[in-house]
Amino acid sequence: MEFRMIQVTVKESDNSIADIDKFCVVKALNGDTILTDESTFYNDPYLEGLTIFTDNEMKYTNTNGCEFILTCYKDTALIVNEKYTIKHDDCHIELLSGKTLIKLQ
């Protein structure tokens, strides 16, 4: 059995992993919060990325794809505001569009 996750890596301009204080993934259509840094248990410091969606969140999308927004904060400043389109095939999720590597300026 396979379990899929979509991960996003946020790096500083020197290629080090960005220190994110808080993050949130919301469904663009209605503003429903899907995942936050406090509600997910999928983030592992060894993975060096943020898990923004998993097969467990499949019910929030459909087979055509829905838009989600990832926002990340560092020291209360908004440092990431990215859109993602994610769909499912009734079995697993799939990323249709959106950056999986974000480099801060």
PDB file of N, CA and C in Angstrom:
ATOM      1  N   MET A   1       0.843  -1.179   0.000  1.00  0.00           N
ATOM      2  CA  MET A   1       0.000   0.000   0.000  1.00  0.00           C
ATOM      3  C   MET A   1       0.886   1.240   0.000  1.00  0.00           C
ATOM      4  N   GLU A   2       0.506   2.219  -0.782  1.00  0.00           N
ATOM      5  CA  GLU A   2       1.277   3.448  -0.938  1.00  0.00           C
ATOM      6  C   GLU A   2       0.558   4.610  -0.257  1.00  0.00           C
ATOM      7  N   PHE A   3       1.332   5.489   0.359  1.00  0.00           N
ATOM      8  CA  PHE A   3       0.799   6.695   0.982  1.00  0.00           C
ATOM      9  C   PHE A   3       1.580   7.868   0.414  1.00  0.00           C
ATOM     10  N   ARG A   4       0.877   8.808  -0.207  1.00  0.00           N
ATOM     11  CA  ARG A   4       1.547   9.935  -0.854  1.00  0.00           C
ATOM     12  C   ARG A   4       1.433  11.211  -0.039  1.00  0.00           C
ATOM     13  N   MET A   5       2.506  11.996  -0.121  1.00  0.00           N
ATOM     14  CA  MET A   5       2.570  13.309   0.507  1.00  0.00           C
ATOM     15  C   MET A   5       3.158  14.286  -0.507  1.00  0.00           C
ATOM     16  N   ILE A   6       2.750  15.534  -0.402  1.00  0.00           N
ATOM     17  CA  ILE A   6       3.362  16.591  -1.200  1.00  0.00           C
ATOM     18  C   ILE A   6       4.179  17.433  -0.241  1.00  0.00           C
ATOM     19  N   GLN A   7       5.470  17.543  -0.540  1.00  0.00           N
ATOM     20  CA  GLN A   7       6.372  18.303   0.321  1.00  0.00           C
ATOM     21  C   GLN A   7       6.946  19.488  -0.422  1.00  0.00           C
ATOM     22  N   VAL A   8       7.134  20.573   0.321  1.00  0.00           N
ATOM     23  CA  VAL A   8       7.708  21.797  -0.210  1.00  0.00           C
ATOM     24  C   VAL A   8       8.929  22.143   0.637  1.00  0.00           C
ATOM     25  N   THR A   9      10.019  22.401  -0.033  1.00  0.00           N
ATOM     26  CA  THR A   9      11.243  22.812   0.646  1.00  0.00           C
ATOM     27  C   THR A   9      11.426  24.314   0.452  1.00  0.00           C
ATOM     28  N   VAL A  10      11.632  25.010   1.550  1.00  0.00           N
ATOM     29  CA  VAL A  10      11.863  26.453   1.503  1.00  0.00           C
ATOM     30  C   VAL A  10      13.308  26.702   1.912  1.00  0.00           C
ATOM     31  N   LYS A  11      14.060  27.340   1.002  1.00  0.00           N
ATOM     32  CA  LYS A  11      15.484  27.585   1.255  1.00  0.00           C
ATOM     33  C   LYS A  11      15.781  29.078   1.264  1.00  0.00           C
ATOM     34  N   GLU A  12      16.775  29.421   2.043  1.00  0.00           N
ATOM     35  CA  GLU A  12      17.300  30.787   2.063  1.00  0.00           C
ATOM     36  C   GLU A  12      18.130  31.002   0.800  1.00  0.00           C
ATOM     37  N   SER A  13      18.545  32.229   0.559  1.00  0.00           N
ATOM     38  CA  SER A  13      19.337  32.540  -0.638  1.00  0.00           C
ATOM     39  C   SER A  13      20.682  31.819  -0.651  1.00  0.00           C
ATOM     40  N   ASP A  14      21.187  31.410   0.525  1.00  0.00           N
ATOM     41  CA  ASP A  14      22.453  30.675   0.591  1.00  0.00           C
ATOM     42  C   ASP A  14      22.254  29.151   0.517  1.00  0.00           C
ATOM     43  N   ASN A  15      21.034  28.715   0.172  1.00  0.00           N
ATOM     44  CA  ASN A  15      20.654  27.303   0.026  1.00  0.00           C
ATOM     45  C   ASN A  15      20.464  26.561   1.340  1.00  0.00           C
ATOM     46  N   SER A  16      20.545  27.231   2.463  1.00  0.00           N
ATOM     47  CA  SER A  16      20.236  26.579   3.731  1.00  0.00           C
ATOM     48  C   SER A  16      18.713  26.500   3.877  1.00  0.00           C
ATOM     49  N   ILE A  17      18.253  25.550   4.652  1.00  0.00           N
ATOM     50  CA  ILE A  17      16.821  25.393   4.877  1.00  0.00           C
ATOM     51  C   ILE A  17      16.306  26.580   5.689  1.00  0.00           C
ATOM     52  N   ALA A  18      15.234  27.195   5.228  1.00  0.00           N
ATOM     53  CA  ALA A  18      14.665  28.359   5.906  1.00  0.00           C
ATOM     54  C   ALA A  18      14.057  27.938   7.239  1.00  0.00           C
ATOM     55  N   ASP A  19      14.202  28.794   8.202  1.00  0.00           N
ATOM     56  CA  ASP A  19      13.633  28.572   9.526  1.00  0.00           C
ATOM     57  C   ASP A  19      12.216  29.133   9.521  1.00  0.00           C
ATOM     58  N   ILE A  20      11.226  28.247   9.395  1.00  0.00           N
ATOM     59  CA  ILE A  20       9.821  28.643   9.328  1.00  0.00           C
ATOM     60  C   ILE A  20       9.218  28.559  10.727  1.00  0.00           C
ATOM     61  N   ASP A  21       8.623  29.640  11.195  1.00  0.00           N
ATOM     62  CA  ASP A  21       7.975  29.626  12.508  1.00  0.00           C
ATOM     63  C   ASP A  21       6.576  29.031  12.444  1.00  0.00           C
ATOM     64  N   LYS A  22       5.832  29.397  11.412  1.00  0.00           N
ATOM     65  CA  LYS A  22       4.458  28.916  11.248  1.00  0.00           C
ATOM     66  C   LYS A  22       4.160  28.751   9.770  1.00  0.00           C
ATOM     67  N   PHE A  23       3.291  27.773   9.456  1.00  0.00           N
ATOM     68  CA  PHE A  23       2.788  27.668   8.096  1.00  0.00           C
ATOM     69  C   PHE A  23       1.344  27.212   8.131  1.00  0.00           C
ATOM     70  N   CYS A  24       0.664  27.474   7.017  1.00  0.00           N
ATOM     71  CA  CYS A  24      -0.753  27.149   6.922  1.00  0.00           C
ATOM     72  C   CYS A  24      -1.083  26.847   5.466  1.00  0.00           C
ATOM     73  N   VAL A  25      -1.906  25.830   5.243  1.00  0.00           N
ATOM     74  CA  VAL A  25      -2.420  25.512   3.917  1.00  0.00           C
ATOM     75  C   VAL A  25      -3.933  25.682   3.975  1.00  0.00           C
ATOM     76  N   VAL A  26      -4.463  26.538   3.104  1.00  0.00           N
ATOM     77  CA  VAL A  26      -5.907  26.764   3.057  1.00  0.00           C
ATOM     78  C   VAL A  26      -6.432  26.465   1.661  1.00  0.00           C
ATOM     79  N   LYS A  27      -7.696  26.081   1.605  1.00  0.00           N
ATOM     80  CA  LYS A  27      -8.355  25.878   0.322  1.00  0.00           C
ATOM     81  C   LYS A  27      -8.763  27.250  -0.195  1.00  0.00           C
ATOM     82  N   ALA A  28      -8.324  27.607  -1.394  1.00  0.00           N
ATOM     83  CA  ALA A  28      -8.554  28.947  -1.937  1.00  0.00           C
ATOM     84  C   ALA A  28     -10.033  29.260  -2.109  1.00  0.00           C
ATOM     85  N   LEU A  29     -10.827  28.291  -2.481  1.00  0.00           N
ATOM     86  CA  LEU A  29     -12.244  28.511  -2.759  1.00  0.00           C
ATOM     87  C   LEU A  29     -13.029  29.023  -1.562  1.00  0.00           C
ATOM     88  N   ASN A  30     -12.736  28.477  -0.380  1.00  0.00           N
ATOM     89  CA  ASN A  30     -13.546  28.835   0.786  1.00  0.00           C
ATOM     90  C   ASN A  30     -12.744  29.269   2.018  1.00  0.00           C
ATOM     91  N   GLY A  31     -11.421  29.230   1.925  1.00  0.00           N
ATOM     92  CA  GLY A  31     -10.583  29.658   3.038  1.00  0.00           C
ATOM     93  C   GLY A  31     -10.472  28.648   4.175  1.00  0.00           C
ATOM     94  N   ASP A  32     -10.988  27.436   3.962  1.00  0.00           N
ATOM     95  CA  ASP A  32     -10.876  26.399   4.996  1.00  0.00           C
ATOM     96  C   ASP A  32      -9.416  26.021   5.227  1.00  0.00           C
ATOM     97  N   THR A  33      -9.026  25.948   6.476  1.00  0.00           N
ATOM     98  CA  THR A  33      -7.671  25.536   6.824  1.00  0.00           C
ATOM     99  C   THR A  33      -7.561  24.028   6.700  1.00  0.00           C
ATOM    100  N   ILE A  34      -6.570  23.571   5.937  1.00  0.00           N
ATOM    101  CA  ILE A  34      -6.371  22.147   5.695  1.00  0.00           C
ATOM    102  C   ILE A  34      -5.290  21.599   6.622  1.00  0.00           C
ATOM    103  N   LEU A  35      -4.133  22.231   6.640  1.00  0.00           N
ATOM    104  CA  LEU A  35      -3.021  21.820   7.504  1.00  0.00           C
ATOM    105  C   LEU A  35      -2.311  23.054   8.037  1.00  0.00           C
ATOM    106  N   THR A  36      -1.770  22.930   9.239  1.00  0.00           N
ATOM    107  CA  THR A  36      -0.912  23.969   9.811  1.00  0.00           C
ATOM    108  C   THR A  36       0.283  23.287  10.448  1.00  0.00           C
ATOM    109  N   ASP A  37       1.252  24.094  10.842  1.00  0.00           N
ATOM    110  CA  ASP A  37       2.410  23.540  11.534  1.00  0.00           C
ATOM    111  C   ASP A  37       1.996  22.872  12.838  1.00  0.00           C
ATOM    112  N   GLU A  38       0.900  23.307  13.433  1.00  0.00           N
ATOM    113  CA  GLU A  38       0.444  22.731  14.703  1.00  0.00           C
ATOM    114  C   GLU A  38      -0.457  21.513  14.528  1.00  0.00           C
ATOM    115  N   SER A  39      -1.111  21.392  13.366  1.00  0.00           N
ATOM    116  CA  SER A  39      -2.064  20.293  13.190  1.00  0.00           C
ATOM    117  C   SER A  39      -1.500  19.089  12.458  1.00  0.00           C
ATOM    118  N   THR A  40      -0.330  19.216  11.881  1.00  0.00           N
ATOM    119  CA  THR A  40       0.225  18.084  11.142  1.00  0.00           C
ATOM    120  C   THR A  40       1.279  17.361  11.963  1.00  0.00           C
ATOM    121  N   PHE A  41       1.318  16.063  11.798  1.00  0.00           N
ATOM    122  CA  PHE A  41       2.384  15.275  12.432  1.00  0.00           C
ATOM    123  C   PHE A  41       3.281  14.657  11.371  1.00  0.00           C
ATOM    124  N   TYR A  42       3.211  15.190  10.133  1.00  0.00           N
ATOM    125  CA  TYR A  42       4.005  14.657   9.028  1.00  0.00           C
ATOM    126  C   TYR A  42       5.332  15.351   8.839  1.00  0.00           C
ATOM    127  N   ASN A  43       5.589  16.420   9.577  1.00  0.00           N
ATOM    128  CA  ASN A  43       6.848  17.131   9.378  1.00  0.00           C
ATOM    129  C   ASN A  43       7.950  16.500  10.198  1.00  0.00           C
ATOM    130  N   ASP A  44       8.999  16.172   9.504  1.00  0.00           N
ATOM    131  CA  ASP A  44      10.151  15.511  10.092  1.00  0.00           C
ATOM    132  C   ASP A  44      11.374  16.352   9.751  1.00  0.00           C
ATOM    133  N   PRO A  45      12.141  16.786  10.745  1.00  0.00           N
ATOM    134  CA  PRO A  45      13.295  17.652  10.447  1.00  0.00           C
ATOM    135  C   PRO A  45      14.297  17.007   9.498  1.00  0.00           C
ATOM    136  N   TYR A  46      14.304  15.690   9.419  1.00  0.00           N
ATOM    137  CA  TYR A  46      15.236  15.014   8.512  1.00  0.00           C
ATOM    138  C   TYR A  46      14.792  15.108   7.055  1.00  0.00           C
ATOM    139  N   LEU A  47      13.521  15.380   6.824  1.00  0.00           N
ATOM    140  CA  LEU A  47      13.012  15.487   5.454  1.00  0.00           C
ATOM    141  C   LEU A  47      13.300  16.852   4.842  1.00  0.00           C
ATOM    142  N   GLU A  48      13.598  17.839   5.667  1.00  0.00           N
ATOM    143  CA  GLU A  48      13.929  19.191   5.224  1.00  0.00           C
ATOM    144  C   GLU A  48      12.849  19.800   4.334  1.00  0.00           C
ATOM    145  N   GLY A  49      11.612  19.583   4.677  1.00  0.00           N
ATOM    146  CA  GLY A  49      10.521  20.163   3.904  1.00  0.00           C
ATOM    147  C   GLY A  49       9.244  20.203   4.714  1.00  0.00           C
ATOM    148  N   LEU A  50       8.287  20.934   4.188  1.00  0.00           N
ATOM    149  CA  LEU A  50       6.977  21.041   4.815  1.00  0.00           C
ATOM    150  C   LEU A  50       6.014  20.112   4.077  1.00  0.00           C
ATOM    151  N   THR A  51       5.306  19.290   4.794  1.00  0.00           N
ATOM    152  CA  THR A  51       4.284  18.452   4.179  1.00  0.00           C
ATOM    153  C   THR A  51       3.027  19.300   4.083  1.00  0.00           C
ATOM    154  N   ILE A  52       2.608  19.605   2.845  1.00  0.00           N
ATOM    155  CA  ILE A  52       1.473  20.502   2.664  1.00  0.00           C
ATOM    156  C   ILE A  52       0.178  19.768   2.317  1.00  0.00           C
ATOM    157  N   PHE A  53       0.264  18.478   1.976  1.00  0.00           N
ATOM    158  CA  PHE A  53      -0.924  17.709   1.613  1.00  0.00           C
ATOM    159  C   PHE A  53      -0.559  16.238   1.623  1.00  0.00           C
ATOM    160  N   THR A  54      -1.489  15.399   2.043  1.00  0.00           N
ATOM    161  CA  THR A  54      -1.273  13.951   2.033  1.00  0.00           C
ATOM    162  C   THR A  54      -2.539  13.264   1.519  1.00  0.00           C
ATOM    163  N   ASP A  55      -2.449  11.971   1.341  1.00  0.00           N
ATOM    164  CA  ASP A  55      -3.636  11.195   0.974  1.00  0.00           C
ATOM    165  C   ASP A  55      -4.748  11.352   2.006  1.00  0.00           C
ATOM    166  N   ASN A  56      -4.395  11.639   3.253  1.00  0.00           N
ATOM    167  CA  ASN A  56      -5.415  11.843   4.282  1.00  0.00           C
ATOM    168  C   ASN A  56      -6.282  13.071   4.011  1.00  0.00           C
ATOM    169  N   GLU A  57      -5.764  14.044   3.262  1.00  0.00           N
ATOM    170  CA  GLU A  57      -6.515  15.266   2.954  1.00  0.00           C
ATOM    171  C   GLU A  57      -7.240  15.174   1.602  1.00  0.00           C
ATOM    172  N   MET A  58      -7.291  13.987   1.016  1.00  0.00           N
ATOM    173  CA  MET A  58      -7.896  13.796  -0.300  1.00  0.00           C
ATOM    174  C   MET A  58      -9.327  14.334  -0.375  1.00  0.00           C
ATOM    175  N   LYS A  59     -10.060  14.296   0.717  1.00  0.00           N
ATOM    176  CA  LYS A  59     -11.461  14.742   0.722  1.00  0.00           C
ATOM    177  C   LYS A  59     -11.609  16.243   0.450  1.00  0.00           C
ATOM    178  N   TYR A  60     -10.526  17.003   0.542  1.00  0.00           N
ATOM    179  CA  TYR A  60     -10.580  18.444   0.316  1.00  0.00           C
ATOM    180  C   TYR A  60     -10.407  18.833  -1.144  1.00  0.00           C
ATOM    181  N   THR A  61     -10.129  17.856  -1.992  1.00  0.00           N
ATOM    182  CA  THR A  61      -9.950  18.135  -3.413  1.00  0.00           C
ATOM    183  C   THR A  61     -10.863  17.215  -4.215  1.00  0.00           C
ATOM    184  N   ASN A  62     -10.710  17.233  -5.531  1.00  0.00           N
ATOM    185  CA  ASN A  62     -11.527  16.371  -6.379  1.00  0.00           C
ATOM    186  C   ASN A  62     -10.683  15.842  -7.529  1.00  0.00           C
ATOM    187  N   THR A  63     -11.306  15.152  -8.474  1.00  0.00           N
ATOM    188  CA  THR A  63     -10.547  14.536  -9.564  1.00  0.00           C
ATOM    189  C   THR A  63     -10.123  15.546 -10.628  1.00  0.00           C
ATOM    190  N   ASN A  64     -10.673  16.753 -10.598  1.00  0.00           N
ATOM    191  CA  ASN A  64     -10.261  17.807 -11.532  1.00  0.00           C
ATOM    192  C   ASN A  64      -9.169  18.693 -10.958  1.00  0.00           C
ATOM    193  N   GLY A  65      -9.106  18.766  -9.639  1.00  0.00           N
ATOM    194  CA  GLY A  65      -8.110  19.594  -8.965  1.00  0.00           C
ATOM    195  C   GLY A  65      -8.709  20.826  -8.333  1.00  0.00           C
ATOM    196  N   CYS A  66      -8.206  21.184  -7.173  1.00  0.00           N
ATOM    197  CA  CYS A  66      -8.611  22.386  -6.441  1.00  0.00           C
ATOM    198  C   CYS A  66      -7.355  23.178  -6.105  1.00  0.00           C
ATOM    199  N   GLU A  67      -7.553  24.483  -5.899  1.00  0.00           N
ATOM    200  CA  GLU A  67      -6.430  25.359  -5.585  1.00  0.00           C
ATOM    201  C   GLU A  67      -6.288  25.522  -4.074  1.00  0.00           C
ATOM    202  N   PHE A  68      -5.044  25.467  -3.622  1.00  0.00           N
ATOM    203  CA  PHE A  68      -4.692  25.640  -2.217  1.00  0.00           C
ATOM    204  C   PHE A  68      -3.597  26.686  -2.127  1.00  0.00           C
ATOM    205  N   ILE A  69      -3.519  27.352  -0.975  1.00  0.00           N
ATOM    206  CA  ILE A  69      -2.516  28.395  -0.776  1.00  0.00           C
ATOM    207  C   ILE A  69      -1.683  28.055   0.455  1.00  0.00           C
ATOM    208  N   LEU A  70      -0.368  28.053   0.268  1.00  0.00           N
ATOM    209  CA  LEU A  70       0.583  27.844   1.358  1.00  0.00           C
ATOM    210  C   LEU A  70       1.116  29.204   1.775  1.00  0.00           C
ATOM    211  N   THR A  71       0.991  29.512   3.064  1.00  0.00           N
ATOM    212  CA  THR A  71       1.612  30.711   3.606  1.00  0.00           C
ATOM    213  C   THR A  71       2.581  30.287   4.705  1.00  0.00           C
ATOM    214  N   CYS A  72       3.753  30.897   4.705  1.00  0.00           N
ATOM    215  CA  CYS A  72       4.777  30.605   5.714  1.00  0.00           C
ATOM    216  C   CYS A  72       5.228  31.918   6.351  1.00  0.00           C
ATOM    217  N   TYR A  73       5.487  31.844   7.650  1.00  0.00           N
ATOM    218  CA  TYR A  73       5.889  33.021   8.413  1.00  0.00           C
ATOM    219  C   TYR A  73       7.197  32.764   9.149  1.00  0.00           C
ATOM    220  N   LYS A  74       8.004  33.807   9.214  1.00  0.00           N
ATOM    221  CA  LYS A  74       9.239  33.800   9.995  1.00  0.00           C
ATOM    222  C   LYS A  74       9.266  35.105  10.776  1.00  0.00           C
ATOM    223  N   ASP A  75       9.339  35.008  12.092  1.00  0.00           N
ATOM    224  CA  ASP A  75       9.331  36.202  12.943  1.00  0.00           C
ATOM    225  C   ASP A  75       8.128  37.096  12.625  1.00  0.00           C
ATOM    226  N   THR A  76       6.975  36.512  12.450  1.00  0.00           N
ATOM    227  CA  THR A  76       5.686  37.149  12.134  1.00  0.00           C
ATOM    228  C   THR A  76       5.620  37.783  10.741  1.00  0.00           C
ATOM    229  N   ALA A  77       6.691  37.700   9.964  1.00  0.00           N
ATOM    230  CA  ALA A  77       6.684  38.248   8.604  1.00  0.00           C
ATOM    231  C   ALA A  77       6.289  37.146   7.608  1.00  0.00           C
ATOM    232  N   LEU A  78       5.412  37.487   6.672  1.00  0.00           N
ATOM    233  CA  LEU A  78       5.021  36.565   5.611  1.00  0.00           C
ATOM    234  C   LEU A  78       6.193  36.405   4.651  1.00  0.00           C
ATOM    235  N   ILE A  79       6.701  35.172   4.507  1.00  0.00           N
ATOM    236  CA  ILE A  79       7.840  34.951   3.606  1.00  0.00           C
ATOM    237  C   ILE A  79       7.482  34.065   2.417  1.00  0.00           C
ATOM    238  N   VAL A  80       6.360  33.335   2.505  1.00  0.00           N
ATOM    239  CA  VAL A  80       5.908  32.488   1.395  1.00  0.00           C
ATOM    240  C   VAL A  80       4.405  32.640   1.260  1.00  0.00           C
ATOM    241  N   ASN A  81       3.966  32.818   0.024  1.00  0.00           N
ATOM    242  CA  ASN A  81       2.545  32.855  -0.316  1.00  0.00           C
ATOM    243  C   ASN A  81       2.417  32.230  -1.700  1.00  0.00           C
ATOM    244  N   GLU A  82       2.262  30.910  -1.752  1.00  0.00           N
ATOM    245  CA  GLU A  82       2.287  30.167  -3.013  1.00  0.00           C
ATOM    246  C   GLU A  82       0.986  29.416  -3.241  1.00  0.00           C
ATOM    247  N   LYS A  83       0.585  29.324  -4.509  1.00  0.00           N
ATOM    248  CA  LYS A  83      -0.619  28.589  -4.898  1.00  0.00           C
ATOM    249  C   LYS A  83      -0.247  27.212  -5.439  1.00  0.00           C
ATOM    250  N   TYR A  84      -1.095  26.247  -5.127  1.00  0.00           N
ATOM    251  CA  TYR A  84      -0.916  24.867  -5.577  1.00  0.00           C
ATOM    252  C   TYR A  84      -2.249  24.341  -6.083  1.00  0.00           C
ATOM    253  N   THR A  85      -2.204  23.566  -7.155  1.00  0.00           N
ATOM    254  CA  THR A  85      -3.384  22.857  -7.621  1.00  0.00           C
ATOM    255  C   THR A  85      -3.138  21.375  -7.390  1.00  0.00           C
ATOM    256  N   ILE A  86      -4.053  20.766  -6.638  1.00  0.00           N
ATOM    257  CA  ILE A  86      -3.908  19.370  -6.230  1.00  0.00           C
ATOM    258  C   ILE A  86      -5.196  18.631  -6.558  1.00  0.00           C
ATOM    259  N   LYS A  87      -5.065  17.433  -7.094  1.00  0.00           N
ATOM    260  CA  LYS A  87      -6.231  16.603  -7.400  1.00  0.00           C
ATOM    261  C   LYS A  87      -6.036  15.222  -6.790  1.00  0.00           C
ATOM    262  N   HIS A  88      -7.031  14.382  -6.958  1.00  0.00           N
ATOM    263  CA  HIS A  88      -6.886  12.979  -6.572  1.00  0.00           C
ATOM    264  C   HIS A  88      -7.519  12.107  -7.652  1.00  0.00           C
ATOM    265  N   ASP A  89      -7.152  10.838  -7.641  1.00  0.00           N
ATOM    266  CA  ASP A  89      -7.685   9.878  -8.609  1.00  0.00           C
ATOM    267  C   ASP A  89      -8.538   8.814  -7.910  1.00  0.00           C
ATOM    268  N   ASP A  90      -9.137   9.199  -6.793  1.00  0.00           N
ATOM    269  CA  ASP A  90      -9.923   8.305  -5.925  1.00  0.00           C
ATOM    270  C   ASP A  90      -9.058   7.338  -5.135  1.00  0.00           C
ATOM    271  N   CYS A  91      -7.761   7.422  -5.318  1.00  0.00           N
ATOM    272  CA  CYS A  91      -6.842   6.556  -4.571  1.00  0.00           C
ATOM    273  C   CYS A  91      -5.713   7.366  -3.937  1.00  0.00           C
ATOM    274  N   HIS A  92      -5.133   8.281  -4.731  1.00  0.00           N
ATOM    275  CA  HIS A  92      -3.994   9.066  -4.269  1.00  0.00           C
ATOM    276  C   HIS A  92      -4.104  10.510  -4.755  1.00  0.00           C
ATOM    277  N   ILE A  93      -3.399  11.395  -4.052  1.00  0.00           N
ATOM    278  CA  ILE A  93      -3.333  12.795  -4.446  1.00  0.00           C
ATOM    279  C   ILE A  93      -2.252  12.978  -5.501  1.00  0.00           C
ATOM    280  N   GLU A  94      -2.338  14.096  -6.229  1.00  0.00           N
ATOM    281  CA  GLU A  94      -1.344  14.419  -7.250  1.00  0.00           C
ATOM    282  C   GLU A  94      -1.215  15.931  -7.358  1.00  0.00           C
ATOM    283  N   LEU A  95       0.010  16.416  -7.391  1.00  0.00           N
ATOM    284  CA  LEU A  95       0.281  17.836  -7.572  1.00  0.00           C
ATOM    285  C   LEU A  95       0.198  18.168  -9.059  1.00  0.00           C
ATOM    286  N   LEU A  96      -0.705  19.085  -9.424  1.00  0.00           N
ATOM    287  CA  LEU A  96      -0.833  19.514 -10.815  1.00  0.00           C
ATOM    288  C   LEU A  96       0.009  20.753 -11.107  1.00  0.00           C
ATOM    289  N   SER A  97       0.080  21.668 -10.134  1.00  0.00           N
ATOM    290  CA  SER A  97       0.910  22.854 -10.316  1.00  0.00           C
ATOM    291  C   SER A  97       1.310  23.415  -8.953  1.00  0.00           C
ATOM    292  N   GLY A  98       2.440  24.107  -8.957  1.00  0.00           N
ATOM    293  CA  GLY A  98       2.960  24.706  -7.738  1.00  0.00           C
ATOM    294  C   GLY A  98       4.406  24.307  -7.511  1.00  0.00           C
ATOM    295  N   LYS A  99       5.137  25.168  -6.849  1.00  0.00           N
ATOM    296  CA  LYS A  99       6.573  24.948  -6.597  1.00  0.00           C
ATOM    297  C   LYS A  99       6.795  23.998  -5.423  1.00  0.00           C
ATOM    298  N   THR A 100       7.687  23.038  -5.608  1.00  0.00           N
ATOM    299  CA  THR A 100       8.084  22.178  -4.511  1.00  0.00           C
ATOM    300  C   THR A 100       9.413  22.630  -3.904  1.00  0.00           C
ATOM    301  N   LEU A 101      10.071  23.577  -4.549  1.00  0.00           N
ATOM    302  CA  LEU A 101      11.287  24.193  -4.026  1.00  0.00           C
ATOM    303  C   LEU A 101      11.103  25.709  -4.138  1.00  0.00           C
ATOM    304  N   ILE A 102      11.125  26.370  -2.999  1.00  0.00           N
ATOM    305  CA  ILE A 102      10.986  27.819  -2.958  1.00  0.00           C
ATOM    306  C   ILE A 102      12.273  28.396  -2.407  1.00  0.00           C
ATOM    307  N   LYS A 103      12.877  29.300  -3.152  1.00  0.00           N
ATOM    308  CA  LYS A 103      14.106  29.941  -2.715  1.00  0.00           C
ATOM    309  C   LYS A 103      13.799  31.383  -2.358  1.00  0.00           C
ATOM    310  N   LEU A 104      14.064  31.763  -1.119  1.00  0.00           N
ATOM    311  CA  LEU A 104      13.803  33.115  -0.645  1.00  0.00           C
ATOM    312  C   LEU A 104      14.898  34.047  -1.159  1.00  0.00           C
ATOM    313  N   GLN A 105      14.523  35.281  -1.380  1.00  0.00           N
ATOM    314  CA  GLN A 105      15.486  36.284  -1.881  1.00  0.00           C
ATOM    315  C   GLN A 105      16.127  37.011  -0.734  1.00  0.00           C
TER     316      GLN A 105
END
